[in-house]
N, C-alpha and C. Protein backbone atom coordinates (compact mmCIF):
# COMPACT_ATOMS: atom_id res chain seq x y z
N UNK A 1 84.82 100.40 191.81
CA UNK A 1 86.42 100.90 191.92
C UNK A 1 86.86 101.68 193.09
N UNK A 2 87.73 101.94 193.52
CA UNK A 2 87.79 102.26 194.78
C UNK A 2 88.83 103.57 194.54
N UNK A 3 88.42 104.65 195.46
CA UNK A 3 88.75 105.94 194.82
C UNK A 3 89.40 106.36 196.18
N UNK A 4 90.40 107.24 196.46
CA UNK A 4 90.92 108.55 197.61
C UNK A 4 91.13 109.87 196.95
N UNK A 5 91.00 111.00 197.99
CA UNK A 5 90.77 111.99 197.97
C UNK A 5 92.13 112.63 197.48
N UNK A 6 92.25 113.92 196.88
CA UNK A 6 94.02 114.43 196.91
C UNK A 6 94.54 114.84 198.30
N UNK A 7 93.53 115.03 199.13
CA UNK A 7 93.83 115.65 200.34
C UNK A 7 94.33 113.94 200.75
N UNK A 8 93.71 113.09 200.89
CA UNK A 8 94.61 111.72 201.40
C UNK A 8 95.68 111.17 200.84
N UNK A 9 95.85 111.37 199.78
CA UNK A 9 97.05 111.39 198.78
C UNK A 9 98.13 112.34 199.32
N UNK A 10 97.86 113.29 199.43
CA UNK A 10 98.62 114.71 200.15
C UNK A 10 98.98 114.13 201.28
N UNK A 11 98.68 114.15 202.35
CA UNK A 11 99.16 113.66 203.69
C UNK A 11 99.91 112.05 203.78
N UNK A 12 99.50 111.57 203.08
CA UNK A 12 100.56 110.05 202.79
C UNK A 12 101.73 110.48 202.12
N UNK A 13 101.99 111.32 201.04
CA UNK A 13 103.57 112.04 200.68
C UNK A 13 103.95 112.92 201.58
N UNK A 14 103.11 113.27 202.12
CA UNK A 14 103.96 114.66 203.15
C UNK A 14 104.14 113.80 204.38
N UNK A 15 103.50 112.85 204.70
CA UNK A 15 104.00 112.05 206.01
C UNK A 15 104.84 110.53 206.08
N UNK A 16 105.36 111.07 204.53
CA UNK A 16 106.60 109.92 204.12
C UNK A 16 106.01 108.54 204.54
N UNK A 17 104.64 108.21 203.99
CA UNK A 17 104.11 107.25 204.24
C UNK A 17 104.53 106.34 202.09
N UNK A 18 104.51 105.15 202.89
CA UNK A 18 104.87 104.30 201.43
C UNK A 18 103.38 104.60 200.37
N UNK A 19 103.63 105.35 199.45
CA UNK A 19 102.52 105.31 198.75
C UNK A 19 103.13 105.38 196.65
N UNK A 20 102.40 104.25 196.43
CA UNK A 20 102.96 104.22 194.92
C UNK A 20 101.91 105.00 193.76
N UNK A 21 102.39 105.96 193.42
CA UNK A 21 101.70 106.84 192.53
C UNK A 21 101.72 106.60 191.14
N UNK A 22 100.86 106.42 190.24
CA UNK A 22 101.08 106.56 188.71
C UNK A 22 100.29 107.63 188.18
N UNK A 23 101.29 108.47 187.17
CA UNK A 23 100.59 109.62 186.59
C UNK A 23 100.32 109.45 185.17
N UNK A 24 99.32 108.87 185.01
CA UNK A 24 98.64 108.58 183.10
C UNK A 24 98.64 109.96 182.42
N UNK A 25 99.05 111.16 182.74
CA UNK A 25 98.98 112.23 181.28
C UNK A 25 99.86 111.85 180.73
N UNK A 26 99.37 112.74 179.50
CA UNK A 26 100.72 112.94 178.67
C UNK A 26 101.91 113.79 178.84
N UNK A 27 103.21 113.31 178.30
CA UNK A 27 104.48 114.33 178.96
C UNK A 27 104.10 115.41 179.21
N UNK A 28 104.17 116.36 178.06
CA UNK A 28 103.85 117.63 178.29
C UNK A 28 103.19 118.15 179.64
N UNK A 29 101.84 117.40 179.67
CA UNK A 29 100.97 117.90 181.36
C UNK A 29 102.04 117.53 182.42
N UNK A 30 102.68 116.11 182.09
CA UNK A 30 103.64 116.07 183.56
C UNK A 30 104.72 116.69 183.63
N UNK A 31 105.21 117.46 182.44
CA UNK A 31 106.03 118.30 182.45
C UNK A 31 105.88 119.70 183.24
N UNK A 32 104.70 120.19 183.44
CA UNK A 32 103.97 121.31 183.93
C UNK A 32 104.08 121.01 186.10
N UNK A 33 104.67 119.74 186.21
CA UNK A 33 104.28 119.11 187.33
C UNK A 33 103.41 118.09 187.77
N UNK A 34 104.51 117.32 188.57
CA UNK A 34 104.21 116.16 189.52
C UNK A 34 104.03 115.70 190.38
N UNK A 35 102.90 115.13 191.04
CA UNK A 35 103.23 114.41 192.30
C UNK A 35 104.63 113.53 192.85
N UNK A 36 105.45 114.44 193.84
CA UNK A 36 106.81 113.64 193.80
C UNK A 36 106.87 112.56 194.03
N UNK A 37 107.51 111.71 193.33
CA UNK A 37 107.74 110.08 193.49
C UNK A 37 106.92 109.28 192.55
N UNK A 38 105.54 110.08 191.56
CA UNK A 38 104.98 109.95 190.83
C UNK A 38 105.76 108.75 189.73
N UNK A 39 105.07 107.93 189.28
CA UNK A 39 106.00 107.23 188.03
C UNK A 39 104.77 107.33 187.32
N UNK A 40 105.61 108.17 185.41
CA UNK A 40 105.03 108.67 184.66
C UNK A 40 104.45 107.25 183.82
N UNK A 41 103.33 106.71 183.48
CA UNK A 41 103.35 106.06 182.22
C UNK A 41 101.59 106.58 181.62
N UNK A 42 101.91 107.31 180.54
CA UNK A 42 100.67 107.80 179.87
C UNK A 42 99.82 106.75 179.29
N UNK A 43 98.31 107.21 179.58
CA UNK A 43 97.33 105.92 179.47
C UNK A 43 97.50 105.38 178.30
N UNK A 44 97.88 106.12 177.28
CA UNK A 44 98.13 105.02 175.85
C UNK A 44 99.04 104.11 175.48
N UNK A 45 100.18 104.41 176.70
CA UNK A 45 101.24 103.25 176.83
C UNK A 45 100.64 102.18 177.88
N UNK A 46 99.80 102.44 178.50
CA UNK A 46 99.81 101.28 179.75
C UNK A 46 99.41 99.90 179.38
N UNK A 47 98.97 99.69 178.66
CA UNK A 47 98.47 98.26 178.08
C UNK A 47 99.84 97.47 178.12
N UNK A 48 100.79 98.36 177.36
CA UNK A 48 102.26 97.31 176.78
C UNK A 48 103.22 97.91 177.85
N UNK A 49 102.85 98.69 179.23
CA UNK A 49 103.83 98.81 180.22
C UNK A 49 103.38 98.56 181.42
N UNK A 50 102.66 97.82 181.56
CA UNK A 50 101.69 97.03 182.43
C UNK A 50 102.52 96.21 183.82
N UNK A 51 103.29 95.18 182.77
CA UNK A 51 104.42 94.76 183.07
C UNK A 51 105.13 95.30 184.13
N UNK A 52 105.33 96.67 184.35
CA UNK A 52 106.68 97.74 184.81
C UNK A 52 105.59 97.59 186.06
N UNK A 53 104.31 97.39 186.45
CA UNK A 53 104.21 97.36 187.73
C UNK A 53 103.42 96.10 188.64
N UNK A 54 103.60 95.92 189.61
CA UNK A 54 103.33 94.84 190.76
C UNK A 54 102.16 94.55 191.27
N UNK A 55 101.78 93.29 190.97
CA UNK A 55 100.28 93.13 191.00
C UNK A 55 99.93 93.04 192.34
N UNK A 56 101.00 93.05 193.26
CA UNK A 56 101.05 92.76 194.78
C UNK A 56 100.94 94.09 195.49
N UNK A 57 101.41 95.26 194.23
CA UNK A 57 101.54 96.55 195.25
C UNK A 57 100.49 97.15 194.81
N UNK A 58 99.83 98.27 195.80
CA UNK A 58 98.79 98.84 195.67
C UNK A 58 98.98 100.34 194.91
N UNK A 59 98.52 100.80 193.70
CA UNK A 59 98.89 101.86 193.44
C UNK A 59 97.63 103.05 193.32
N UNK A 60 98.04 104.07 193.18
CA UNK A 60 96.95 105.48 193.19
C UNK A 60 97.04 106.15 191.65
N UNK A 61 96.04 105.82 191.06
CA UNK A 61 96.22 106.21 189.46
C UNK A 61 96.01 107.71 189.48
N UNK A 62 96.32 108.69 188.53
CA UNK A 62 96.28 110.18 188.52
C UNK A 62 96.13 110.48 187.82
N UNK A 63 95.52 111.59 187.47
CA UNK A 63 95.50 112.56 185.76
C UNK A 63 95.42 113.72 186.31
N UNK A 64 94.78 114.40 185.24
CA UNK A 64 94.35 115.69 185.30
C UNK A 64 92.91 116.20 186.20
N UNK A 65 92.02 115.60 185.87
CA UNK A 65 91.16 115.68 186.25
C UNK A 65 89.86 114.31 186.95
N UNK A 66 90.68 113.21 186.99
CA UNK A 66 90.20 111.96 187.18
C UNK A 66 89.48 110.98 186.16
N UNK A 67 89.04 111.59 184.80
CA UNK A 67 89.02 110.48 183.88
C UNK A 67 89.85 109.59 183.26
N UNK A 68 90.56 110.16 182.69
CA UNK A 68 91.50 108.91 182.55
C UNK A 68 92.29 107.96 183.68
N UNK A 69 92.53 108.65 184.64
CA UNK A 69 93.09 107.58 186.15
C UNK A 69 91.76 106.54 185.86
N UNK A 70 90.74 107.13 185.96
CA UNK A 70 89.62 106.30 186.52
C UNK A 70 89.51 105.17 185.26
N UNK A 71 89.75 105.29 183.92
CA UNK A 71 89.83 104.45 182.63
C UNK A 71 90.98 103.45 183.23
N UNK A 72 92.26 104.32 183.38
CA UNK A 72 93.25 103.38 183.69
C UNK A 72 93.50 102.51 185.16
N UNK A 73 92.48 102.98 186.25
CA UNK A 73 91.98 101.99 187.50
C UNK A 73 90.88 100.77 187.01
N UNK A 74 89.99 100.98 186.17
CA UNK A 74 89.44 100.21 185.79
C UNK A 74 89.96 99.18 184.76
N UNK A 75 90.94 99.54 183.72
CA UNK A 75 91.73 98.31 182.85
C UNK A 75 92.65 97.66 184.02
N UNK A 76 93.15 98.29 184.63
CA UNK A 76 94.37 97.76 185.74
C UNK A 76 93.43 96.76 186.59
N UNK A 77 92.53 97.29 186.98
CA UNK A 77 91.75 96.25 187.91
C UNK A 77 91.23 94.61 187.01
N UNK A 78 90.58 95.08 185.94
CA UNK A 78 90.55 93.87 184.83
C UNK A 78 91.40 93.00 184.63
N UNK A 79 92.81 93.44 184.93
CA UNK A 79 93.92 92.74 184.62
C UNK A 79 94.68 92.01 185.92
N UNK A 80 93.68 92.33 187.32
CA UNK A 80 94.41 92.10 188.76
C UNK A 80 95.17 92.67 189.27
N UNK A 81 95.14 93.81 188.78
CA UNK A 81 96.03 95.18 189.62
C UNK A 81 95.29 95.63 190.81
N UNK A 82 95.83 95.88 192.12
CA UNK A 82 95.24 96.69 192.90
C UNK A 82 95.61 97.70 192.83
N UNK A 83 94.22 98.98 192.18
CA UNK A 83 95.12 100.24 192.21
C UNK A 83 93.42 101.37 192.89
N UNK A 84 93.72 101.98 193.13
CA UNK A 84 92.51 102.96 193.37
C UNK A 84 92.82 104.42 192.68
N UNK A 85 91.69 105.22 192.02
CA UNK A 85 91.34 106.43 191.46
C UNK A 85 91.48 107.84 192.16
N UNK A 86 92.67 108.44 192.23
CA UNK A 86 92.50 109.47 192.63
C UNK A 86 91.23 110.66 192.36
N UNK A 87 90.29 111.24 193.34
CA UNK A 87 89.00 111.85 192.77
C UNK A 87 89.84 113.40 192.54
N UNK A 88 89.37 113.72 191.48
CA UNK A 88 89.58 115.20 191.05
C UNK A 88 91.10 115.53 190.63
N UNK A 89 91.63 114.56 190.27
CA UNK A 89 93.26 114.59 189.54
C UNK A 89 94.20 115.64 189.76
N UNK A 90 94.82 115.92 189.21
CA UNK A 90 95.97 117.28 189.31
C UNK A 90 94.65 118.75 189.56
N UNK A 91 93.98 118.57 188.91
CA UNK A 91 93.10 119.69 189.15
C UNK A 91 92.76 120.31 190.81
N UNK A 92 92.56 119.05 191.64
CA UNK A 92 92.14 118.87 192.70
C UNK A 92 93.31 119.23 193.59
N UNK A 93 94.66 118.75 193.47
CA UNK A 93 96.12 118.38 193.62
C UNK A 93 96.62 119.92 194.61
N UNK A 94 96.84 119.74 195.92
CA UNK A 94 96.78 121.15 196.60
C UNK A 94 98.77 121.21 197.34
N UNK A 95 98.95 120.15 197.19
CA UNK A 95 100.15 119.62 197.61
C UNK A 95 101.46 120.03 196.70
N UNK A 96 102.74 119.81 197.09
CA UNK A 96 103.58 120.44 196.03
C UNK A 96 104.24 119.70 194.62
N UNK A 97 104.94 120.00 193.51
CA UNK A 97 104.81 119.12 192.86
C UNK A 97 106.11 118.82 192.92
N UNK A 98 106.56 117.99 191.37
CA UNK A 98 108.00 117.74 191.29
C UNK A 98 108.04 118.31 189.34
N UNK A 99 108.85 119.15 189.13
CA UNK A 99 109.03 119.60 187.87
C UNK A 99 110.08 119.13 187.38
């Protein structure tokens, strides 16, 4: 499994680089704030919604602490997607958030 640090993600977001982020937390967690531009697909809905993602696009998976996004990353990798897990999740995120 590939991993990326929150700092690396923040630099890409703030530098307006193309980065595709998928937040797999529950809706009430996302209401507290998500990384700007992140797509919200709760982990429990990922299997039925994975077709919303393009297998040719790289995605950074995010959750609260890195556990659920790790599961999402492993699941999507098994299904042929190009995904990276953000270490530490939103607990480690120091950038801005959209509410």
